[in-house]
């Protein structure tokens, strides 16, 4: 099946109205792009925060009509509708290009390889051969519905430290579990039980599915929470991990602190190095910093709660 993209500047139009028009025109997908150098950090749940130079990329399926000019006619009509809505300048700035027909599942499998974190913890694709290391602790995971495969520095840093924490036989809590990778790693390292929390229902589904694939579903409790992160049933744990964002980490400080038992371990990640001081300050009253590790512009805070 062949596809093509139409890419154009959003300008002063609203996202909702442009998306509605593109849906009417038969777009298979719609993506918002940053064409400048302006970062967007920490949108609130459900918030769409745009850049000043936002472009829209719409994917369309090529016409099945066998006539040679049918495809060009369809493209021209869609551009004409866009120009009528966004203004005639759209015909000068819009970019139309073909999208190669590829086996995208095969593409990510080719690029997605086994990775080691710390001394013995490995995250491997489900189809990969096991590591040669006889002491390897393996989490099987493929990219899917939710964030977390170990490729992003924030996740990698958490896994690196987690490999050194004595979680065997202990309870662990994972705030913002995403794919469940951190909780699954804790269970594979011998944790007795993991409570995984996330406000995204897709993360809840992904974590349960990944736990089942790794044979640890009986030892993990996956729960959806609201933006406050509160759960009346939550019992303090020996290790609390929260790989989210600096803003939520600060907002959730009382909740995360209460979730960690005295003398327990805490991993906070998902934050830029420039945000470490503010996050550290939010937890300073109850925790002593053990270590801060960095990769690129990201960092992870490892702390212990006072007895």
C-alpha atoms as a PDB file:
ATOM      1  CA  UNK A   1       0.000   0.000   0.000  1.00  0.00           C
ATOM      2  CA  UNK A   2       1.473   3.373  -1.042  1.00  0.00           C
ATOM      3  CA  UNK A   3       1.181   6.632   0.899  1.00  0.00           C
ATOM      4  CA  UNK A   4       2.178  10.249   0.555  1.00  0.00           C
ATOM      5  CA  UNK A   5       2.561  13.168   2.970  1.00  0.00           C
ATOM      6  CA  UNK A   6       1.424  16.770   2.792  1.00  0.00           C
ATOM      7  CA  UNK A   7       3.349  19.038   5.161  1.00  0.00           C
ATOM      8  CA  UNK A   8       2.461  22.676   5.759  1.00  0.00           C
ATOM      9  CA  UNK A   9       2.713  25.460   8.405  1.00  0.00           C
ATOM     10  CA  UNK A  10      -0.100  25.657  10.932  1.00  0.00           C
ATOM     11  CA  UNK A  11       0.112  29.441  11.061  1.00  0.00           C
ATOM     12  CA  UNK A  12      -2.606  31.050  13.147  1.00  0.00           C
ATOM     13  CA  UNK A  13      -5.170  28.299  12.573  1.00  0.00           C
ATOM     14  CA  UNK A  14      -6.346  26.188  15.479  1.00  0.00           C
ATOM     15  CA  UNK A  15      -5.168  22.606  15.737  1.00  0.00           C
ATOM     16  CA  UNK A  16      -8.725  21.351  16.187  1.00  0.00           C
ATOM     17  CA  UNK A  17     -10.047  22.972  13.011  1.00  0.00           C
ATOM     18  CA  UNK A  18      -7.092  21.777  10.890  1.00  0.00           C
ATOM     19  CA  UNK A  19      -7.375  18.249  12.252  1.00  0.00           C
ATOM     20  CA  UNK A  20     -11.097  18.260  11.500  1.00  0.00           C
ATOM     21  CA  UNK A  21     -10.452  19.299   7.890  1.00  0.00           C
ATOM     22  CA  UNK A  22      -7.707  16.702   7.428  1.00  0.00           C
ATOM     23  CA  UNK A  23      -9.958  13.991   8.836  1.00  0.00           C
ATOM     24  CA  UNK A  24     -12.611  15.056   6.316  1.00  0.00           C
ATOM     25  CA  UNK A  25      -9.996  14.829   3.552  1.00  0.00           C
ATOM     26  CA  UNK A  26      -9.166  11.264   4.563  1.00  0.00           C
ATOM     27  CA  UNK A  27      -5.847  11.653   6.392  1.00  0.00           C
ATOM     28  CA  UNK A  28      -4.561   8.393   7.854  1.00  0.00           C
ATOM     29  CA  UNK A  29      -2.473  10.201  10.473  1.00  0.00           C
ATOM     30  CA  UNK A  30      -1.716  13.774  11.580  1.00  0.00           C
ATOM     31  CA  UNK A  31       1.544  14.874  13.221  1.00  0.00           C
ATOM     32  CA  UNK A  32       2.553  18.248  14.668  1.00  0.00           C
ATOM     33  CA  UNK A  33       6.189  19.232  14.103  1.00  0.00           C
ATOM     34  CA  UNK A  34       8.594  21.829  15.481  1.00  0.00           C
ATOM     35  CA  UNK A  35      10.323  23.602  12.585  1.00  0.00           C
ATOM     36  CA  UNK A  36      12.310  25.878  14.874  1.00  0.00           C
ATOM     37  CA  UNK A  37      14.670  25.270  17.780  1.00  0.00           C
ATOM     38  CA  UNK A  38      12.169  25.999  20.519  1.00  0.00           C
ATOM     39  CA  UNK A  39      11.805  23.125  23.030  1.00  0.00           C
ATOM     40  CA  UNK A  40       8.508  22.164  24.629  1.00  0.00           C
ATOM     41  CA  UNK A  41       8.995  20.594  28.028  1.00  0.00           C
ATOM     42  CA  UNK A  42       6.562  19.090  30.499  1.00  0.00           C
ATOM     43  CA  UNK A  43       3.099  19.557  29.017  1.00  0.00           C
ATOM     44  CA  UNK A  44       0.373  18.864  31.531  1.00  0.00           C
ATOM     45  CA  UNK A  45      -1.676  15.667  31.094  1.00  0.00           C
ATOM     46  CA  UNK A  46      -3.996  16.147  28.130  1.00  0.00           C
ATOM     47  CA  UNK A  47      -2.365  19.454  27.161  1.00  0.00           C
ATOM     48  CA  UNK A  48      -1.192  20.151  23.603  1.00  0.00           C
ATOM     49  CA  UNK A  49       1.508  22.796  23.841  1.00  0.00           C
ATOM     50  CA  UNK A  50       2.572  24.168  20.457  1.00  0.00           C
ATOM     51  CA  UNK A  51       5.696  25.789  19.122  1.00  0.00           C
ATOM     52  CA  UNK A  52       5.711  29.227  17.503  1.00  0.00           C
ATOM     53  CA  UNK A  53       6.768  27.608  14.212  1.00  0.00           C
ATOM     54  CA  UNK A  54       4.444  24.594  14.159  1.00  0.00           C
ATOM     55  CA  UNK A  55       3.987  22.551  10.994  1.00  0.00           C
ATOM     56  CA  UNK A  56       1.438  19.868  10.261  1.00  0.00           C
ATOM     57  CA  UNK A  57       2.243  16.596   8.511  1.00  0.00           C
ATOM     58  CA  UNK A  58      -0.727  14.630   7.154  1.00  0.00           C
ATOM     59  CA  UNK A  59      -0.408  11.118   5.760  1.00  0.00           C
ATOM     60  CA  UNK A  60      -2.703  10.011   2.927  1.00  0.00           C
ATOM     61  CA  UNK A  61      -3.189   6.736   1.122  1.00  0.00           C
ATOM     62  CA  UNK A  62      -2.513   6.832  -2.612  1.00  0.00           C
ATOM     63  CA  UNK A  63      -5.545   6.516  -4.899  1.00  0.00           C
ATOM     64  CA  UNK A  64      -6.452   3.005  -6.084  1.00  0.00           C
ATOM     65  CA  UNK A  65      -7.565   4.467  -9.414  1.00  0.00           C
ATOM     66  CA  UNK A  66      -5.473   2.999 -12.241  1.00  0.00           C
ATOM     67  CA  UNK A  67      -5.497   6.198 -14.285  1.00  0.00           C
ATOM     68  CA  UNK A  68      -2.034   7.743 -14.391  1.00  0.00           C
ATOM     69  CA  UNK A  69      -3.160  11.194 -13.298  1.00  0.00           C
ATOM     70  CA  UNK A  70      -5.625  10.031 -10.629  1.00  0.00           C
ATOM     71  CA  UNK A  71      -3.091  10.388  -7.821  1.00  0.00           C
ATOM     72  CA  UNK A  72      -2.126  13.905  -8.871  1.00  0.00           C
ATOM     73  CA  UNK A  73      -5.764  14.920  -9.108  1.00  0.00           C
ATOM     74  CA  UNK A  74      -6.415  13.694  -5.568  1.00  0.00           C
ATOM     75  CA  UNK A  75      -3.369  15.585  -4.256  1.00  0.00           C
ATOM     76  CA  UNK A  76      -4.365  18.763  -6.098  1.00  0.00           C
ATOM     77  CA  UNK A  77      -7.900  18.637  -4.696  1.00  0.00           C
ATOM     78  CA  UNK A  78      -6.620  18.208  -1.161  1.00  0.00           C
ATOM     79  CA  UNK A  79      -4.181  21.082  -1.568  1.00  0.00           C
ATOM     80  CA  UNK A  80      -6.989  23.205  -2.986  1.00  0.00           C
ATOM     81  CA  UNK A  81      -9.157  22.477   0.060  1.00  0.00           C
ATOM     82  CA  UNK A  82      -6.274  23.301   2.377  1.00  0.00           C
ATOM     83  CA  UNK A  83      -5.572  26.550   0.526  1.00  0.00           C
ATOM     84  CA  UNK A  84      -9.237  27.523   0.764  1.00  0.00           C
ATOM     85  CA  UNK A  85      -9.098  27.027   4.529  1.00  0.00           C
ATOM     86  CA  UNK A  86      -5.590  28.218   5.404  1.00  0.00           C
ATOM     87  CA  UNK A  87      -5.072  30.772   2.657  1.00  0.00           C
ATOM     88  CA  UNK A  88      -3.591  30.726  -0.870  1.00  0.00           C
ATOM     89  CA  UNK A  89      -0.014  30.854   0.464  1.00  0.00           C
ATOM     90  CA  UNK A  90      -0.393  27.174   1.339  1.00  0.00           C
ATOM     91  CA  UNK A  91       0.259  26.209  -2.281  1.00  0.00           C
ATOM     92  CA  UNK A  92       3.694  27.849  -2.068  1.00  0.00           C
ATOM     93  CA  UNK A  93       4.764  26.485   1.318  1.00  0.00           C
ATOM     94  CA  UNK A  94       3.183  23.014   1.343  1.00  0.00           C
ATOM     95  CA  UNK A  95       5.449  20.039   0.672  1.00  0.00           C
ATOM     96  CA  UNK A  96       4.164  16.853  -0.922  1.00  0.00           C
ATOM     97  CA  UNK A  97       6.308  13.725  -0.950  1.00  0.00           C
ATOM     98  CA  UNK A  98       5.894  10.000  -1.349  1.00  0.00           C
ATOM     99  CA  UNK A  99       6.334   7.672   1.625  1.00  0.00           C
ATOM    100  CA  UNK A 100       8.224   4.487   0.872  1.00  0.00           C
ATOM    101  CA  UNK A 101       6.340   1.262   1.472  1.00  0.00           C
ATOM    102  CA  UNK A 102       8.407  -0.562   4.089  1.00  0.00           C
ATOM    103  CA  UNK A 103       8.048  -3.342   6.608  1.00  0.00           C
ATOM    104  CA  UNK A 104       8.089  -0.975   9.580  1.00  0.00           C
ATOM    105  CA  UNK A 105       7.836  -3.816  12.093  1.00  0.00           C
ATOM    106  CA  UNK A 106      10.957  -5.292  10.540  1.00  0.00           C
ATOM    107  CA  UNK A 107      12.697  -1.922  10.610  1.00  0.00           C
ATOM    108  CA  UNK A 108      12.442  -1.466  14.369  1.00  0.00           C
ATOM    109  CA  UNK A 109      13.316  -5.113  14.999  1.00  0.00           C
ATOM    110  CA  UNK A 110      16.474  -4.611  12.979  1.00  0.00           C
ATOM    111  CA  UNK A 111      17.438  -1.514  14.996  1.00  0.00           C
ATOM    112  CA  UNK A 112      16.215  -2.724  18.393  1.00  0.00           C
ATOM    113  CA  UNK A 113      18.963  -4.811  20.032  1.00  0.00           C
ATOM    114  CA  UNK A 114      19.767  -6.265  23.454  1.00  0.00           C
ATOM    115  CA  UNK A 115      21.214  -3.820  25.988  1.00  0.00           C
ATOM    116  CA  UNK A 116      22.967  -4.297  29.319  1.00  0.00           C
ATOM    117  CA  UNK A 117      22.510  -1.988  32.317  1.00  0.00           C
ATOM    118  CA  UNK A 118      24.816  -2.171  35.281  1.00  0.00           C
ATOM    119  CA  UNK A 119      26.541  -5.487  35.954  1.00  0.00           C
ATOM    120  CA  UNK A 120      23.917  -8.093  35.049  1.00  0.00           C
ATOM    121  CA  UNK A 121      20.610  -6.517  33.989  1.00  0.00           C
ATOM    122  CA  UNK A 122      19.663  -6.910  30.320  1.00  0.00           C
ATOM    123  CA  UNK A 123      16.689  -5.685  28.280  1.00  0.00           C
ATOM    124  CA  UNK A 124      16.267  -7.793  25.161  1.00  0.00           C
ATOM    125  CA  UNK A 125      13.784  -8.019  22.283  1.00  0.00           C
ATOM    126  CA  UNK A 126      11.451 -10.987  22.643  1.00  0.00           C
ATOM    127  CA  UNK A 127      12.958 -12.612  19.548  1.00  0.00           C
ATOM    128  CA  UNK A 128      16.616 -12.093  20.516  1.00  0.00           C
ATOM    129  CA  UNK A 129      18.903 -14.866  21.691  1.00  0.00           C
ATOM    130  CA  UNK A 130      19.704 -14.739  25.411  1.00  0.00           C
ATOM    131  CA  UNK A 131      22.961 -13.034  26.422  1.00  0.00           C
ATOM    132  CA  UNK A 132      26.026 -15.259  26.760  1.00  0.00           C
ATOM    133  CA  UNK A 133      26.559 -14.017  30.311  1.00  0.00           C
ATOM    134  CA  UNK A 134      25.462 -16.846  32.684  1.00  0.00           C
ATOM    135  CA  UNK A 135      24.600 -14.280  35.382  1.00  0.00           C
ATOM    136  CA  UNK A 136      22.400 -12.197  33.061  1.00  0.00           C
ATOM    137  CA  UNK A 137      19.027 -11.069  34.408  1.00  0.00           C
ATOM    138  CA  UNK A 138      16.847 -10.628  31.326  1.00  0.00           C
ATOM    139  CA  UNK A 139      13.743  -8.516  30.757  1.00  0.00           C
ATOM    140  CA  UNK A 140      12.037  -9.269  27.424  1.00  0.00           C
ATOM    141  CA  UNK A 141      10.477  -6.168  25.912  1.00  0.00           C
ATOM    142  CA  UNK A 142       9.512  -4.815  22.499  1.00  0.00           C
ATOM    143  CA  UNK A 143       8.536  -1.217  21.663  1.00  0.00           C
ATOM    144  CA  UNK A 144       4.794  -0.812  22.069  1.00  0.00           C
ATOM    145  CA  UNK A 145       1.988   1.297  23.508  1.00  0.00           C
ATOM    146  CA  UNK A 146       3.891   3.083  26.258  1.00  0.00           C
ATOM    147  CA  UNK A 147       7.213   4.782  26.994  1.00  0.00           C
ATOM    148  CA  UNK A 148      10.110   2.692  28.236  1.00  0.00           C
ATOM    149  CA  UNK A 149      12.473   0.361  26.376  1.00  0.00           C
ATOM    150  CA  UNK A 150      15.778   1.420  27.915  1.00  0.00           C
ATOM    151  CA  UNK A 151      16.908   3.421  24.896  1.00  0.00           C
ATOM    152  CA  UNK A 152      16.128   6.806  26.466  1.00  0.00           C
ATOM    153  CA  UNK A 153      18.761   8.069  28.923  1.00  0.00           C
ATOM    154  CA  UNK A 154      16.243   8.579  31.737  1.00  0.00           C
ATOM    155  CA  UNK A 155      15.207   4.916  31.667  1.00  0.00           C
ATOM    156  CA  UNK A 156      18.764   3.681  31.128  1.00  0.00           C
ATOM    157  CA  UNK A 157      20.022   5.604  34.162  1.00  0.00           C
ATOM    158  CA  UNK A 158      17.281   4.142  36.381  1.00  0.00           C
ATOM    159  CA  UNK A 159      18.072   0.618  35.226  1.00  0.00           C
ATOM    160  CA  UNK A 160      21.779   1.154  35.809  1.00  0.00           C
ATOM    161  CA  UNK A 161      21.241   2.132  39.453  1.00  0.00           C
ATOM    162  CA  UNK A 162      18.457  -0.403  40.038  1.00  0.00           C
ATOM    163  CA  UNK A 163      20.916  -3.196  39.215  1.00  0.00           C
ATOM    164  CA  UNK A 164      22.913  -2.210  42.331  1.00  0.00           C
ATOM    165  CA  UNK A 165      20.006  -1.909  44.801  1.00  0.00           C
ATOM    166  CA  UNK A 166      19.268  -5.021  46.942  1.00  0.00           C
ATOM    167  CA  UNK A 167      15.580  -5.345  46.011  1.00  0.00           C
ATOM    168  CA  UNK A 168      15.455  -9.156  46.352  1.00  0.00           C
ATOM    169  CA  UNK A 169      12.530 -10.170  48.553  1.00  0.00           C
ATOM    170  CA  UNK A 170      11.371  -6.547  48.900  1.00  0.00           C
ATOM    171  CA  UNK A 171       8.396  -4.441  47.801  1.00  0.00           C
ATOM    172  CA  UNK A 172       8.934  -1.894  45.024  1.00  0.00           C
ATOM    173  CA  UNK A 173       6.757   0.961  43.717  1.00  0.00           C
ATOM    174  CA  UNK A 174       7.036   2.378  40.195  1.00  0.00           C
ATOM    175  CA  UNK A 175       5.388   5.767  39.657  1.00  0.00           C
ATOM    176  CA  UNK A 176       4.682   6.476  35.982  1.00  0.00           C
ATOM    177  CA  UNK A 177       5.347   2.884  34.944  1.00  0.00           C
ATOM    178  CA  UNK A 178       4.911   3.399  31.174  1.00  0.00           C
ATOM    179  CA  UNK A 179       5.803   0.055  29.577  1.00  0.00           C
ATOM    180  CA  UNK A 180       6.512  -1.413  33.007  1.00  0.00           C
ATOM    181  CA  UNK A 181      10.212  -1.813  32.288  1.00  0.00           C
ATOM    182  CA  UNK A 182      11.470  -0.665  35.698  1.00  0.00           C
ATOM    183  CA  UNK A 183       9.001  -2.752  37.656  1.00  0.00           C
ATOM    184  CA  UNK A 184       9.699  -5.811  35.502  1.00  0.00           C
ATOM    185  CA  UNK A 185      13.440  -5.326  36.008  1.00  0.00           C
ATOM    186  CA  UNK A 186      12.925  -5.145  39.780  1.00  0.00           C
ATOM    187  CA  UNK A 187      10.960  -8.408  39.724  1.00  0.00           C
ATOM    188  CA  UNK A 188      13.585 -10.129  37.593  1.00  0.00           C
ATOM    189  CA  UNK A 189      16.175  -8.944  40.135  1.00  0.00           C
ATOM    190  CA  UNK A 190      14.208 -10.756  42.842  1.00  0.00           C
ATOM    191  CA  UNK A 191      11.733  -8.189  44.204  1.00  0.00           C
ATOM    192  CA  UNK A 192       8.846  -9.877  45.993  1.00  0.00           C
ATOM    193  CA  UNK A 193       6.172  -7.532  44.685  1.00  0.00           C
ATOM    194  CA  UNK A 194       5.844  -4.424  42.519  1.00  0.00           C
ATOM    195  CA  UNK A 195       3.063  -1.860  42.501  1.00  0.00           C
ATOM    196  CA  UNK A 196       3.063  -0.026  39.157  1.00  0.00           C
ATOM    197  CA  UNK A 197       1.125   3.253  38.874  1.00  0.00           C
ATOM    198  CA  UNK A 198       0.316   5.433  35.867  1.00  0.00           C
ATOM    199  CA  UNK A 199      -2.362   7.925  34.860  1.00  0.00           C
ATOM    200  CA  UNK A 200      -2.275   6.699  31.236  1.00  0.00           C
ATOM    201  CA  UNK A 201      -4.622   3.735  30.612  1.00  0.00           C
ATOM    202  CA  UNK A 202      -2.398   2.577  27.740  1.00  0.00           C
ATOM    203  CA  UNK A 203       0.504   2.283  30.189  1.00  0.00           C
ATOM    204  CA  UNK A 204      -1.627   0.102  32.448  1.00  0.00           C
ATOM    205  CA  UNK A 205      -2.432  -2.207  29.520  1.00  0.00           C
ATOM    206  CA  UNK A 206       1.183  -2.271  28.293  1.00  0.00           C
ATOM    207  CA  UNK A 207       2.609  -3.040  31.742  1.00  0.00           C
ATOM    208  CA  UNK A 208       0.226  -5.930  32.302  1.00  0.00           C
ATOM    209  CA  UNK A 209       0.947  -7.377  28.870  1.00  0.00           C
ATOM    210  CA  UNK A 210       4.709  -7.088  29.337  1.00  0.00           C
ATOM    211  CA  UNK A 211       4.479  -8.610  32.815  1.00  0.00           C
ATOM    212  CA  UNK A 212       2.605 -11.557  31.361  1.00  0.00           C
ATOM    213  CA  UNK A 213       5.226 -12.049  28.637  1.00  0.00           C
ATOM    214  CA  UNK A 214       7.953 -12.041  31.272  1.00  0.00           C
ATOM    215  CA  UNK A 215       6.145 -14.502  33.538  1.00  0.00           C
ATOM    216  CA  UNK A 216       5.823 -12.107  36.496  1.00  0.00           C
ATOM    217  CA  UNK A 217       2.179 -11.047  36.263  1.00  0.00           C
ATOM    218  CA  UNK A 218       1.330 -12.715  39.582  1.00  0.00           C
ATOM    219  CA  UNK A 219       3.787 -10.453  41.409  1.00  0.00           C
ATOM    220  CA  UNK A 220       2.812  -7.064  40.005  1.00  0.00           C
ATOM    221  CA  UNK A 221      -0.192  -4.900  40.796  1.00  0.00           C
ATOM    222  CA  UNK A 222      -0.838  -2.365  38.027  1.00  0.00           C
ATOM    223  CA  UNK A 223      -3.119   0.562  38.881  1.00  0.00           C
ATOM    224  CA  UNK A 224      -4.329   3.677  37.116  1.00  0.00           C
ATOM    225  CA  UNK A 225      -4.180   6.821  39.248  1.00  0.00           C
ATOM    226  CA  UNK A 226      -5.176  10.431  38.727  1.00  0.00           C
ATOM    227  CA  UNK A 227      -2.847  13.429  38.471  1.00  0.00           C
ATOM    228  CA  UNK A 228      -2.429  13.564  42.267  1.00  0.00           C
ATOM    229  CA  UNK A 229      -0.793  10.139  42.222  1.00  0.00           C
ATOM    230  CA  UNK A 230      -2.628   9.136  45.389  1.00  0.00           C
ATOM    231  CA  UNK A 231      -3.744   5.592  46.123  1.00  0.00           C
ATOM    232  CA  UNK A 232      -5.277   4.831  49.518  1.00  0.00           C
ATOM    233  CA  UNK A 233      -4.258   1.162  49.249  1.00  0.00           C
ATOM    234  CA  UNK A 234      -0.572   1.936  48.686  1.00  0.00           C
ATOM    235  CA  UNK A 235       1.802   0.540  51.314  1.00  0.00           C
ATOM    236  CA  UNK A 236       5.311   1.975  51.762  1.00  0.00           C
ATOM    237  CA  UNK A 237       7.962   0.087  49.812  1.00  0.00           C
ATOM    238  CA  UNK A 238      11.684  -0.573  50.147  1.00  0.00           C
ATOM    239  CA  UNK A 239      12.366   1.057  46.779  1.00  0.00           C
ATOM    240  CA  UNK A 240      10.365   3.764  44.989  1.00  0.00           C
ATOM    241  CA  UNK A 241      11.088   4.685  41.370  1.00  0.00           C
ATOM    242  CA  UNK A 242       9.594   7.634  39.498  1.00  0.00           C
ATOM    243  CA  UNK A 243      10.766   8.196  35.932  1.00  0.00           C
ATOM    244  CA  UNK A 244       8.416  10.998  34.935  1.00  0.00           C
ATOM    245  CA  UNK A 245       9.196  14.740  34.626  1.00  0.00           C
ATOM    246  CA  UNK A 246      10.623  17.394  36.926  1.00  0.00           C
ATOM    247  CA  UNK A 247       7.324  19.255  37.401  1.00  0.00           C
ATOM    248  CA  UNK A 248       5.300  16.194  38.437  1.00  0.00           C
ATOM    249  CA  UNK A 249       8.212  14.947  40.584  1.00  0.00           C
ATOM    250  CA  UNK A 250       8.089  18.189  42.562  1.00  0.00           C
ATOM    251  CA  UNK A 251       4.278  18.177  42.783  1.00  0.00           C
ATOM    252  CA  UNK A 252       4.233  14.534  43.877  1.00  0.00           C
ATOM    253  CA  UNK A 253       7.018  14.897  46.467  1.00  0.00           C
ATOM    254  CA  UNK A 254       4.726  14.354  49.510  1.00  0.00           C
ATOM    255  CA  UNK A 255       3.105  11.348  47.865  1.00  0.00           C
ATOM    256  CA  UNK A 256       6.376   9.755  46.696  1.00  0.00           C
ATOM    257  CA  UNK A 257       7.996  10.420  50.085  1.00  0.00           C
ATOM    258  CA  UNK A 258       5.152   8.694  51.927  1.00  0.00           C
ATOM    259  CA  UNK A 259       5.453   5.706  49.580  1.00  0.00           C
ATOM    260  CA  UNK A 260       9.060   5.044  50.610  1.00  0.00           C
ATOM    261  CA  UNK A 261       9.632   3.253  53.899  1.00  0.00           C
ATOM    262  CA  UNK A 262      12.244   4.534  56.407  1.00  0.00           C
ATOM    263  CA  UNK A 263      15.720   3.593  55.222  1.00  0.00           C
ATOM    264  CA  UNK A 264      14.336   2.875  51.768  1.00  0.00           C
ATOM    265  CA  UNK A 265      15.756   3.711  48.361  1.00  0.00           C
ATOM    266  CA  UNK A 266      14.416   6.224  45.852  1.00  0.00           C
ATOM    267  CA  UNK A 267      15.161   6.789  42.162  1.00  0.00           C
ATOM    268  CA  UNK A 268      13.951   9.991  40.512  1.00  0.00           C
ATOM    269  CA  UNK A 269      14.475  10.435  36.784  1.00  0.00           C
ATOM    270  CA  UNK A 270      12.981  12.036  33.693  1.00  0.00           C
ATOM    271  CA  UNK A 271      14.613  15.368  34.502  1.00  0.00           C
ATOM    272  CA  UNK A 272      17.172  17.563  32.821  1.00  0.00           C
ATOM    273  CA  UNK A 273      20.449  18.302  34.588  1.00  0.00           C
ATOM    274  CA  UNK A 274      19.327  21.916  34.945  1.00  0.00           C
ATOM    275  CA  UNK A 275      16.260  20.736  36.904  1.00  0.00           C
ATOM    276  CA  UNK A 276      18.125  18.540  39.394  1.00  0.00           C
ATOM    277  CA  UNK A 277      18.540  21.241  42.043  1.00  0.00           C
ATOM    278  CA  UNK A 278      14.811  22.052  42.213  1.00  0.00           C
ATOM    279  CA  UNK A 279      13.834  18.377  42.419  1.00  0.00           C
ATOM    280  CA  UNK A 280      16.491  17.667  45.061  1.00  0.00           C
ATOM    281  CA  UNK A 281      15.186  20.576  47.145  1.00  0.00           C
ATOM    282  CA  UNK A 282      11.638  19.170  47.051  1.00  0.00           C
ATOM    283  CA  UNK A 283      12.835  15.914  48.686  1.00  0.00           C
ATOM    284  CA  UNK A 284      15.672  17.224  50.867  1.00  0.00           C
ATOM    285  CA  UNK A 285      13.672  17.157  54.099  1.00  0.00           C
ATOM    286  CA  UNK A 286      13.227  13.382  54.061  1.00  0.00           C
ATOM    287  CA  UNK A 287      16.012  12.022  51.853  1.00  0.00           C
ATOM    288  CA  UNK A 288      19.798  12.113  51.710  1.00  0.00           C
ATOM    289  CA  UNK A 289      21.341  12.129  48.247  1.00  0.00           C
ATOM    290  CA  UNK A 290      23.473   9.087  47.491  1.00  0.00           C
ATOM    291  CA  UNK A 291      24.395   9.669  43.884  1.00  0.00           C
ATOM    292  CA  UNK A 292      23.529  11.706  40.815  1.00  0.00           C
ATOM    293  CA  UNK A 293      24.332  10.139  37.454  1.00  0.00           C
ATOM    294  CA  UNK A 294      24.091  11.897  34.129  1.00  0.00           C
ATOM    295  CA  UNK A 295      23.850  11.107  30.448  1.00  0.00           C
ATOM    296  CA  UNK A 296      23.684  13.775  27.770  1.00  0.00           C
ATOM    297  CA  UNK A 297      21.447  16.533  29.178  1.00  0.00           C
ATOM    298  CA  UNK A 298      19.514  14.145  31.468  1.00  0.00           C
ATOM    299  CA  UNK A 299      20.125  12.930  35.006  1.00  0.00           C
ATOM    300  CA  UNK A 300      18.833  10.505  37.630  1.00  0.00           C
ATOM    301  CA  UNK A 301      18.800  11.144  41.390  1.00  0.00           C
ATOM    302  CA  UNK A 302      19.462   8.248  43.773  1.00  0.00           C
ATOM    303  CA  UNK A 303      18.586   8.946  47.414  1.00  0.00           C
ATOM    304  CA  UNK A 304      17.931   7.123  50.696  1.00  0.00           C
ATOM    305  CA  UNK A 305      15.184   7.980  53.143  1.00  0.00           C
ATOM    306  CA  UNK A 306      16.192   8.671  56.726  1.00  0.00           C
ATOM    307  CA  UNK A 307      15.414   6.128  59.405  1.00  0.00           C
END
